[in-house]
Amino acid sequence: MKRISEYKKLFSVEKDIDLKQLKSTYRNLVKEWHPDKFQAGHEKAMEAELMSRQIIDGYHFLVSIAPETKAANLDEYNNTINSPIIDWQHKGLVLEMSFLDGNTYEFFGVNKALYIKLCQADKLNRFAKRNIFNTYTYRKIKKSEVEA
């Protein structure tokens, strides 16, 4: 959740993420903080390098959790959550789940108590469908591998 709020603050996003507005803000920030704008010895050269990386990472992150992106990928998401969960791990408030179809998703804001209940659940997919999949903000982090 901290990561989401930091990136929203960087891009001046208050509530819902609008992709058109986000892209415009992204372009302006990249122009302002592009590393080539500063000489190699300039004091802001290193800061510009770090900011440009943060801007790029933030843009891709916010696009991945935007409502428009989720709507476009909803069918694939529904197919994935209906396949068995093969691995899961919890770090801070982020739950990472890998599915049998090869996709991996992050769910943000999942507390430790809910994670413990998930680990103790008899039917993992059933518990996750009722308590995690449609409740928490998520994003796809790994795509399934294509078979040749």
Protein backbone atom coordinates (compact mmCIF):
# COMPACT_ATOMS: atom_id res chain seq x y z
CA MET A 1 0.00 0.00 0.00
CA LYS A 2 2.90 2.32 0.74
CA ARG A 3 4.28 1.75 -2.75
CA ILE A 4 0.92 2.58 -4.33
CA SER A 5 0.56 5.81 -2.36
CA GLU A 6 4.14 6.88 -3.13
CA TYR A 7 3.64 6.41 -6.86
CA LYS A 8 0.24 8.11 -6.80
CA LYS A 9 1.85 11.06 -5.01
CA LEU A 10 4.69 11.19 -7.57
CA PHE A 11 2.19 11.30 -10.45
CA SER A 12 -0.32 13.53 -8.59
CA VAL A 13 -3.07 10.90 -8.79
CA GLU A 14 -5.74 11.45 -6.15
CA LYS A 15 -8.39 8.75 -6.55
CA ASP A 16 -8.86 6.59 -9.63
CA ILE A 17 -6.07 6.18 -12.14
CA ASP A 18 -6.86 7.67 -15.56
CA LEU A 19 -4.45 6.25 -18.15
CA LYS A 20 -4.58 9.30 -20.41
CA GLN A 21 -3.75 11.67 -17.55
CA LEU A 22 -1.10 9.28 -16.23
CA LYS A 23 0.63 9.12 -19.62
CA SER A 24 0.67 12.90 -19.92
CA THR A 25 2.12 13.30 -16.41
CA TYR A 26 4.67 10.58 -17.14
CA ARG A 27 5.91 12.34 -20.28
CA ASN A 28 6.25 15.66 -18.44
CA LEU A 29 8.16 14.06 -15.55
CA VAL A 30 10.49 12.22 -17.93
CA LYS A 31 11.24 15.47 -19.76
CA GLU A 32 11.96 17.20 -16.46
CA TRP A 33 14.15 14.45 -14.96
CA HIS A 34 15.82 12.86 -18.00
CA PRO A 35 19.48 12.08 -17.12
CA ASP A 36 20.77 13.40 -20.47
CA LYS A 37 19.51 16.84 -19.46
CA PHE A 38 22.37 17.19 -16.96
CA GLN A 39 26.15 17.10 -17.51
CA ALA A 40 28.08 14.12 -16.08
CA GLY A 41 29.65 16.20 -13.28
CA HIS A 42 26.50 18.15 -12.44
CA GLU A 43 25.19 17.74 -8.90
CA LYS A 44 21.72 16.78 -10.11
CA ALA A 45 22.96 14.12 -12.58
CA MET A 46 22.77 11.27 -10.05
CA GLU A 47 19.45 12.52 -8.68
CA ALA A 48 18.05 12.65 -12.22
CA GLU A 49 19.20 9.07 -12.84
CA LEU A 50 17.42 7.84 -9.71
CA MET A 51 14.29 9.90 -10.36
CA SER A 52 14.01 8.70 -13.95
CA ARG A 53 14.18 5.06 -12.78
CA GLN A 54 11.53 5.77 -10.15
CA ILE A 55 9.31 7.53 -12.69
CA ILE A 56 9.54 4.63 -15.16
CA ASP A 57 8.90 2.03 -12.45
CA GLY A 58 6.01 4.06 -11.04
CA TYR A 59 4.40 4.50 -14.43
CA HIS A 60 4.48 0.79 -15.23
CA PHE A 61 3.23 -0.05 -11.75
CA LEU A 62 0.28 2.37 -11.88
CA VAL A 63 -0.65 1.23 -15.39
CA SER A 64 -0.72 -2.38 -14.15
CA ILE A 65 -3.24 -1.56 -11.38
CA ALA A 66 -5.35 0.90 -13.39
CA PRO A 67 -9.06 0.03 -13.74
CA GLU A 68 -8.80 0.13 -17.55
CA THR A 69 -5.96 -2.42 -17.52
CA LYS A 70 -7.85 -4.67 -15.11
CA ALA A 71 -10.99 -4.50 -17.26
CA ALA A 72 -9.02 -5.41 -20.39
CA ASN A 73 -7.47 -8.44 -18.69
CA LEU A 74 -10.49 -9.57 -16.65
CA ASP A 75 -11.18 -12.76 -18.64
CA GLU A 76 -7.58 -13.91 -18.30
CA TYR A 77 -7.61 -13.06 -14.58
CA ASN A 78 -10.81 -15.05 -14.03
CA ASN A 79 -9.32 -18.05 -15.86
CA THR A 80 -6.15 -17.82 -13.78
CA ILE A 81 -7.88 -17.63 -10.39
CA ASN A 82 -9.89 -20.71 -11.31
CA SER A 83 -6.68 -22.71 -11.78
CA PRO A 84 -4.98 -24.23 -8.72
CA ILE A 85 -2.61 -22.15 -6.59
CA ILE A 86 0.83 -23.76 -6.60
CA ASP A 87 2.86 -21.30 -4.51
CA TRP A 88 2.28 -18.28 -2.31
CA GLN A 89 4.37 -16.00 -0.13
CA HIS A 90 3.72 -12.99 2.04
CA LYS A 91 6.05 -9.99 2.42
CA GLY A 92 4.86 -7.04 4.45
CA LEU A 93 1.34 -6.42 3.18
CA VAL A 94 1.93 -8.01 -0.23
CA LEU A 95 0.77 -11.53 -1.01
CA GLU A 96 2.33 -13.10 -4.10
CA MET A 97 0.47 -16.08 -5.60
CA SER A 98 1.60 -18.35 -8.42
CA PHE A 99 -0.96 -20.43 -10.28
CA LEU A 100 -0.76 -23.70 -12.20
CA ASP A 101 -1.27 -21.90 -15.52
CA GLY A 102 2.07 -20.08 -14.98
CA ASN A 103 0.75 -16.65 -14.02
CA THR A 104 1.78 -14.87 -10.82
CA TYR A 105 -0.18 -12.05 -9.19
CA GLU A 106 0.53 -9.67 -6.31
CA PHE A 107 -2.29 -8.71 -3.93
CA PHE A 108 -1.74 -5.51 -1.93
CA GLY A 109 -2.93 -4.87 1.63
CA VAL A 110 -3.22 -8.51 2.75
CA ASN A 111 -2.43 -8.57 6.47
CA LYS A 112 -0.56 -11.33 8.29
CA ALA A 113 -3.70 -12.65 10.06
CA LEU A 114 -5.44 -13.26 6.72
CA TYR A 115 -2.29 -14.85 5.33
CA ILE A 116 -2.17 -17.27 8.28
CA LYS A 117 -5.83 -18.17 7.70
CA LEU A 118 -5.00 -18.77 4.03
CA CYS A 119 -2.15 -21.12 4.98
CA GLN A 120 -4.45 -23.04 7.34
CA ALA A 121 -7.38 -23.29 4.94
CA ASP A 122 -8.53 -26.75 3.87
CA LYS A 123 -9.47 -25.55 0.39
CA LEU A 124 -6.96 -22.91 -0.64
CA ASN A 125 -8.69 -21.72 -3.83
CA ARG A 126 -12.08 -21.50 -2.15
CA PHE A 127 -10.68 -19.41 0.71
CA ALA A 128 -8.79 -17.13 -1.69
CA LYS A 129 -11.86 -16.63 -3.91
CA ARG A 130 -13.97 -15.61 -0.93
CA ASN A 131 -11.44 -13.44 0.89
CA ILE A 132 -8.65 -12.24 -1.41
CA PHE A 133 -9.19 -12.35 -5.18
CA ASN A 134 -12.00 -9.80 -5.49
CA THR A 135 -11.24 -7.82 -2.33
CA TYR A 136 -7.66 -6.60 -2.69
CA THR A 137 -5.87 -4.53 -5.31
CA TYR A 138 -3.88 -6.85 -7.54
CA ARG A 139 -1.52 -6.82 -10.47
CA LYS A 140 0.00 -9.44 -12.71
CA ILE A 141 3.74 -9.70 -12.23
CA LYS A 142 4.68 -12.80 -14.24
CA LYS A 143 3.11 -14.11 -17.41
CA SER A 144 2.68 -17.74 -18.26
CA GLU A 145 5.33 -19.23 -20.48
CA VAL A 146 4.31 -19.96 -24.04
CA GLU A 147 4.76 -23.55 -25.12
CA ALA A 148 6.49 -24.07 -28.46
